[in-house]
Amino acid sequence: QVDLPEIQEVDTMAIAKDKALLAAQLANGPCLVEDTSLKFTALGGMPGPYI
């Protein structure tokens, strides 16, 4: 398990892609990463990736 810095971005796919690329660089190979986002339509999509 490695804690990776996370970009501050509204697009959850961009966050996951950035984390995967950074992890792959650190591991010198392909990696799987996990990122969590929570979206409530009634709250305008908030909190989104900012949970």
PDB file of N, CA and C in Angstrom:
ATOM      1  N   GLN A   1       0.844  -1.174   0.000  1.00  0.00           N
ATOM      2  CA  GLN A   1       0.000   0.000   0.000  1.00  0.00           C
ATOM      3  C   GLN A   1       0.885   1.231   0.000  1.00  0.00           C
ATOM      4  N   VAL A   2       0.554   2.174  -0.869  1.00  0.00           N
ATOM      5  CA  VAL A   2       1.310   3.414  -1.000  1.00  0.00           C
ATOM      6  C   VAL A   2       0.325   4.573  -1.013  1.00  0.00           C
ATOM      7  N   ASP A   3       0.574   5.585  -0.199  1.00  0.00           N
ATOM      8  CA  ASP A   3      -0.244   6.795  -0.243  1.00  0.00           C
ATOM      9  C   ASP A   3       0.299   7.702  -1.333  1.00  0.00           C
ATOM     10  N   LEU A   4      -0.543   8.020  -2.301  1.00  0.00           N
ATOM     11  CA  LEU A   4      -0.142   8.864  -3.418  1.00  0.00           C
ATOM     12  C   LEU A   4      -0.781  10.240  -3.277  1.00  0.00           C
ATOM     13  N   PRO A   5      -0.092  11.282  -3.694  1.00  0.00           N
ATOM     14  CA  PRO A   5      -0.725  12.604  -3.693  1.00  0.00           C
ATOM     15  C   PRO A   5      -1.891  12.608  -4.679  1.00  0.00           C
ATOM     16  N   GLU A   6      -2.929  13.354  -4.366  1.00  0.00           N
ATOM     17  CA  GLU A   6      -4.116  13.378  -5.212  1.00  0.00           C
ATOM     18  C   GLU A   6      -4.345  14.785  -5.742  1.00  0.00           C
ATOM     19  N   ILE A   7      -4.507  14.899  -7.060  1.00  0.00           N
ATOM     20  CA  ILE A   7      -4.794  16.203  -7.638  1.00  0.00           C
ATOM     21  C   ILE A   7      -6.180  16.652  -7.197  1.00  0.00           C
ATOM     22  N   GLN A   8      -6.384  17.942  -7.067  1.00  0.00           N
ATOM     23  CA  GLN A   8      -7.690  18.491  -6.720  1.00  0.00           C
ATOM     24  C   GLN A   8      -8.420  18.794  -8.022  1.00  0.00           C
ATOM     25  N   GLU A   9      -9.391  17.963  -8.329  1.00  0.00           N
ATOM     26  CA  GLU A   9     -10.067  18.003  -9.623  1.00  0.00           C
ATOM     27  C   GLU A   9     -11.501  17.554  -9.435  1.00  0.00           C
ATOM     28  N   VAL A  10     -12.424  18.119 -10.189  1.00  0.00           N
ATOM     29  CA  VAL A  10     -13.835  17.726 -10.128  1.00  0.00           C
ATOM     30  C   VAL A  10     -14.066  16.420 -10.882  1.00  0.00           C
ATOM     31  N   ASP A  11     -13.301  16.182 -11.930  1.00  0.00           N
ATOM     32  CA  ASP A  11     -13.445  14.997 -12.775  1.00  0.00           C
ATOM     33  C   ASP A  11     -12.800  13.783 -12.099  1.00  0.00           C
ATOM     34  N   THR A  12     -13.628  12.848 -11.633  1.00  0.00           N
ATOM     35  CA  THR A  12     -13.107  11.683 -10.909  1.00  0.00           C
ATOM     36  C   THR A  12     -12.244  10.788 -11.793  1.00  0.00           C
ATOM     37  N   MET A  13     -12.539  10.724 -13.085  1.00  0.00           N
ATOM     38  CA  MET A  13     -11.724   9.918 -13.998  1.00  0.00           C
ATOM     39  C   MET A  13     -10.317  10.513 -14.117  1.00  0.00           C
ATOM     40  N   ALA A  14     -10.220  11.827 -14.134  1.00  0.00           N
ATOM     41  CA  ALA A  14      -8.911  12.485 -14.207  1.00  0.00           C
ATOM     42  C   ALA A  14      -8.091  12.198 -12.952  1.00  0.00           C
ATOM     43  N   ILE A  15      -8.745  12.162 -11.797  1.00  0.00           N
ATOM     44  CA  ILE A  15      -8.056  11.860 -10.538  1.00  0.00           C
ATOM     45  C   ILE A  15      -7.500  10.438 -10.578  1.00  0.00           C
ATOM     46  N   ALA A  16      -8.349   9.481 -10.963  1.00  0.00           N
ATOM     47  CA  ALA A  16      -7.919   8.078 -11.013  1.00  0.00           C
ATOM     48  C   ALA A  16      -6.804   7.879 -12.038  1.00  0.00           C
ATOM     49  N   LYS A  17      -6.921   8.519 -13.184  1.00  0.00           N
ATOM     50  CA  LYS A  17      -5.898   8.382 -14.227  1.00  0.00           C
ATOM     51  C   LYS A  17      -4.562   8.936 -13.747  1.00  0.00           C
ATOM     52  N   ASP A  18      -4.588  10.097 -13.101  1.00  0.00           N
ATOM     53  CA  ASP A  18      -3.357  10.696 -12.587  1.00  0.00           C
ATOM     54  C   ASP A  18      -2.703   9.792 -11.541  1.00  0.00           C
ATOM     55  N   LYS A  19      -3.526   9.237 -10.631  1.00  0.00           N
ATOM     56  CA  LYS A  19      -2.995   8.335  -9.605  1.00  0.00           C
ATOM     57  C   LYS A  19      -2.400   7.074 -10.218  1.00  0.00           C
ATOM     58  N   ALA A  20      -3.072   6.526 -11.237  1.00  0.00           N
ATOM     59  CA  ALA A  20      -2.580   5.305 -11.882  1.00  0.00           C
ATOM     60  C   ALA A  20      -1.256   5.556 -12.594  1.00  0.00           C
ATOM     61  N   LEU A  21      -1.143   6.685 -13.269  1.00  0.00           N
ATOM     62  CA  LEU A  21       0.111   7.008 -13.957  1.00  0.00           C
ATOM     63  C   LEU A  21       1.255   7.199 -12.964  1.00  0.00           C
ATOM     64  N   LEU A  22       0.981   7.886 -11.855  1.00  0.00           N
ATOM     65  CA  LEU A  22       2.006   8.090 -10.832  1.00  0.00           C
ATOM     66  C   LEU A  22       2.419   6.761 -10.203  1.00  0.00           C
ATOM     67  N   ALA A  23       1.441   5.907  -9.889  1.00  0.00           N
ATOM     68  CA  ALA A  23       1.743   4.599  -9.299  1.00  0.00           C
ATOM     69  C   ALA A  23       2.575   3.751 -10.255  1.00  0.00           C
ATOM     70  N   ALA A  24       2.236   3.782 -11.534  1.00  0.00           N
ATOM     71  CA  ALA A  24       2.978   3.005 -12.529  1.00  0.00           C
ATOM     72  C   ALA A  24       4.420   3.486 -12.638  1.00  0.00           C
ATOM     73  N   GLN A  25       4.629   4.793 -12.533  1.00  0.00           N
ATOM     74  CA  GLN A  25       5.991   5.336 -12.555  1.00  0.00           C
ATOM     75  C   GLN A  25       6.782   4.856 -11.343  1.00  0.00           C
ATOM     76  N   LEU A  26       6.150   4.897 -10.173  1.00  0.00           N
ATOM     77  CA  LEU A  26       6.836   4.488  -8.941  1.00  0.00           C
ATOM     78  C   LEU A  26       7.135   2.992  -8.924  1.00  0.00           C
ATOM     79  N   ALA A  27       6.244   2.188  -9.509  1.00  0.00           N
ATOM     80  CA  ALA A  27       6.400   0.730  -9.495  1.00  0.00           C
ATOM     81  C   ALA A  27       7.122   0.201 -10.731  1.00  0.00           C
ATOM     82  N   ASN A  28       7.409   1.078 -11.656  1.00  0.00           N
ATOM     83  CA  ASN A  28       8.029   0.669 -12.924  1.00  0.00           C
ATOM     84  C   ASN A  28       7.204  -0.381 -13.658  1.00  0.00           C
ATOM     85  N   GLY A  29       5.885  -0.232 -13.620  1.00  0.00           N
ATOM     86  CA  GLY A  29       5.010  -1.165 -14.314  1.00  0.00           C
ATOM     87  C   GLY A  29       3.551  -0.851 -14.061  1.00  0.00           C
ATOM     88  N   PRO A  30       2.659  -1.617 -14.660  1.00  0.00           N
ATOM     89  CA  PRO A  30       1.219  -1.384 -14.506  1.00  0.00           C
ATOM     90  C   PRO A  30       0.767  -1.521 -13.052  1.00  0.00           C
ATOM     91  N   CYS A  31      -0.218  -0.718 -12.678  1.00  0.00           N
ATOM     92  CA  CYS A  31      -0.753  -0.739 -11.311  1.00  0.00           C
ATOM     93  C   CYS A  31      -2.263  -0.542 -11.333  1.00  0.00           C
ATOM     94  N   LEU A  32      -2.900  -1.005 -10.280  1.00  0.00           N
ATOM     95  CA  LEU A  32      -4.309  -0.710 -10.037  1.00  0.00           C
ATOM     96  C   LEU A  32      -4.376   0.284  -8.892  1.00  0.00           C
ATOM     97  N   VAL A  33      -5.265   1.261  -9.011  1.00  0.00           N
ATOM     98  CA  VAL A  33      -5.461   2.224  -7.933  1.00  0.00           C
ATOM     99  C   VAL A  33      -6.942   2.276  -7.590  1.00  0.00           C
ATOM    100  N   GLU A  34      -7.245   2.772  -6.408  1.00  0.00           N
ATOM    101  CA  GLU A  34      -8.620   2.907  -5.942  1.00  0.00           C
ATOM    102  C   GLU A  34      -8.842   4.357  -5.568  1.00  0.00           C
ATOM    103  N   ASP A  35     -10.014   4.876  -5.937  1.00  0.00           N
ATOM    104  CA  ASP A  35     -10.388   6.226  -5.549  1.00  0.00           C
ATOM    105  C   ASP A  35     -11.887   6.230  -5.286  1.00  0.00           C
ATOM    106  N   THR A  36     -12.317   6.959  -4.287  1.00  0.00           N
ATOM    107  CA  THR A  36     -13.719   6.978  -3.895  1.00  0.00           C
ATOM    108  C   THR A  36     -14.326   8.348  -4.141  1.00  0.00           C
ATOM    109  N   SER A  37     -15.554   8.349  -4.642  1.00  0.00           N
ATOM    110  CA  SER A  37     -16.297   9.579  -4.869  1.00  0.00           C
ATOM    111  C   SER A  37     -17.752   9.314  -4.507  1.00  0.00           C
ATOM    112  N   LEU A  38     -18.427  10.307  -3.982  1.00  0.00           N
ATOM    113  CA  LEU A  38     -19.830  10.176  -3.589  1.00  0.00           C
ATOM    114  C   LEU A  38     -20.598  11.347  -4.190  1.00  0.00           C
ATOM    115  N   LYS A  39     -21.640  11.047  -4.954  1.00  0.00           N
ATOM    116  CA  LYS A  39     -22.367  12.080  -5.690  1.00  0.00           C
ATOM    117  C   LYS A  39     -23.856  11.992  -5.383  1.00  0.00           C
ATOM    118  N   PHE A  40     -24.428  13.091  -4.887  1.00  0.00           N
ATOM    119  CA  PHE A  40     -25.862  13.182  -4.641  1.00  0.00           C
ATOM    120  C   PHE A  40     -26.469  14.149  -5.649  1.00  0.00           C
ATOM    121  N   THR A  41     -27.352  13.645  -6.509  1.00  0.00           N
ATOM    122  CA  THR A  41     -27.989  14.484  -7.518  1.00  0.00           C
ATOM    123  C   THR A  41     -28.763  15.627  -6.865  1.00  0.00           C
ATOM    124  N   ALA A  42     -29.455  15.348  -5.758  1.00  0.00           N
ATOM    125  CA  ALA A  42     -30.243  16.367  -5.064  1.00  0.00           C
ATOM    126  C   ALA A  42     -29.374  17.488  -4.495  1.00  0.00           C
ATOM    127  N   LEU A  43     -28.081  17.233  -4.342  1.00  0.00           N
ATOM    128  CA  LEU A  43     -27.161  18.253  -3.825  1.00  0.00           C
ATOM    129  C   LEU A  43     -26.277  18.810  -4.937  1.00  0.00           C
ATOM    130  N   GLY A  44     -26.735  18.688  -6.168  1.00  0.00           N
ATOM    131  CA  GLY A  44     -25.969  19.222  -7.284  1.00  0.00           C
ATOM    132  C   GLY A  44     -24.681  18.472  -7.551  1.00  0.00           C
ATOM    133  N   GLY A  45     -24.671  17.178  -7.223  1.00  0.00           N
ATOM    134  CA  GLY A  45     -23.477  16.368  -7.461  1.00  0.00           C
ATOM    135  C   GLY A  45     -22.467  16.402  -6.336  1.00  0.00           C
ATOM    136  N   MET A  46     -22.757  17.143  -5.290  1.00  0.00           N
ATOM    137  CA  MET A  46     -21.819  17.245  -4.176  1.00  0.00           C
ATOM    138  C   MET A  46     -21.973  16.046  -3.254  1.00  0.00           C
ATOM    139  N   PRO A  47     -20.998  15.659  -2.491  1.00  0.00           N
ATOM    140  CA  PRO A  47     -19.669  16.257  -2.407  1.00  0.00           C
ATOM    141  C   PRO A  47     -18.727  15.829  -3.526  1.00  0.00           C
ATOM    142  N   GLY A  48     -19.104  14.846  -4.343  1.00  0.00           N
ATOM    143  CA  GLY A  48     -18.238  14.420  -5.441  1.00  0.00           C
ATOM    144  C   GLY A  48     -16.934  13.845  -4.924  1.00  0.00           C
ATOM    145  N   PRO A  49     -15.815  14.220  -5.539  1.00  0.00           N
ATOM    146  CA  PRO A  49     -14.528  13.668  -5.128  1.00  0.00           C
ATOM    147  C   PRO A  49     -13.993  14.279  -3.831  1.00  0.00           C
ATOM    148  N   TYR A  50     -14.689  15.286  -3.296  1.00  0.00           N
ATOM    149  CA  TYR A  50     -14.186  15.999  -2.116  1.00  0.00           C
ATOM    150  C   TYR A  50     -14.692  15.413  -0.805  1.00  0.00           C
ATOM    151  N   ILE A  51     -14.827  14.091  -0.744  1.00  0.00           N
ATOM    152  CA  ILE A  51     -15.294  13.478   0.506  1.00  0.00           C
ATOM    153  C   ILE A  51     -14.123  13.105   1.381  1.00  0.00           C
TER     154      ILE A  51
END
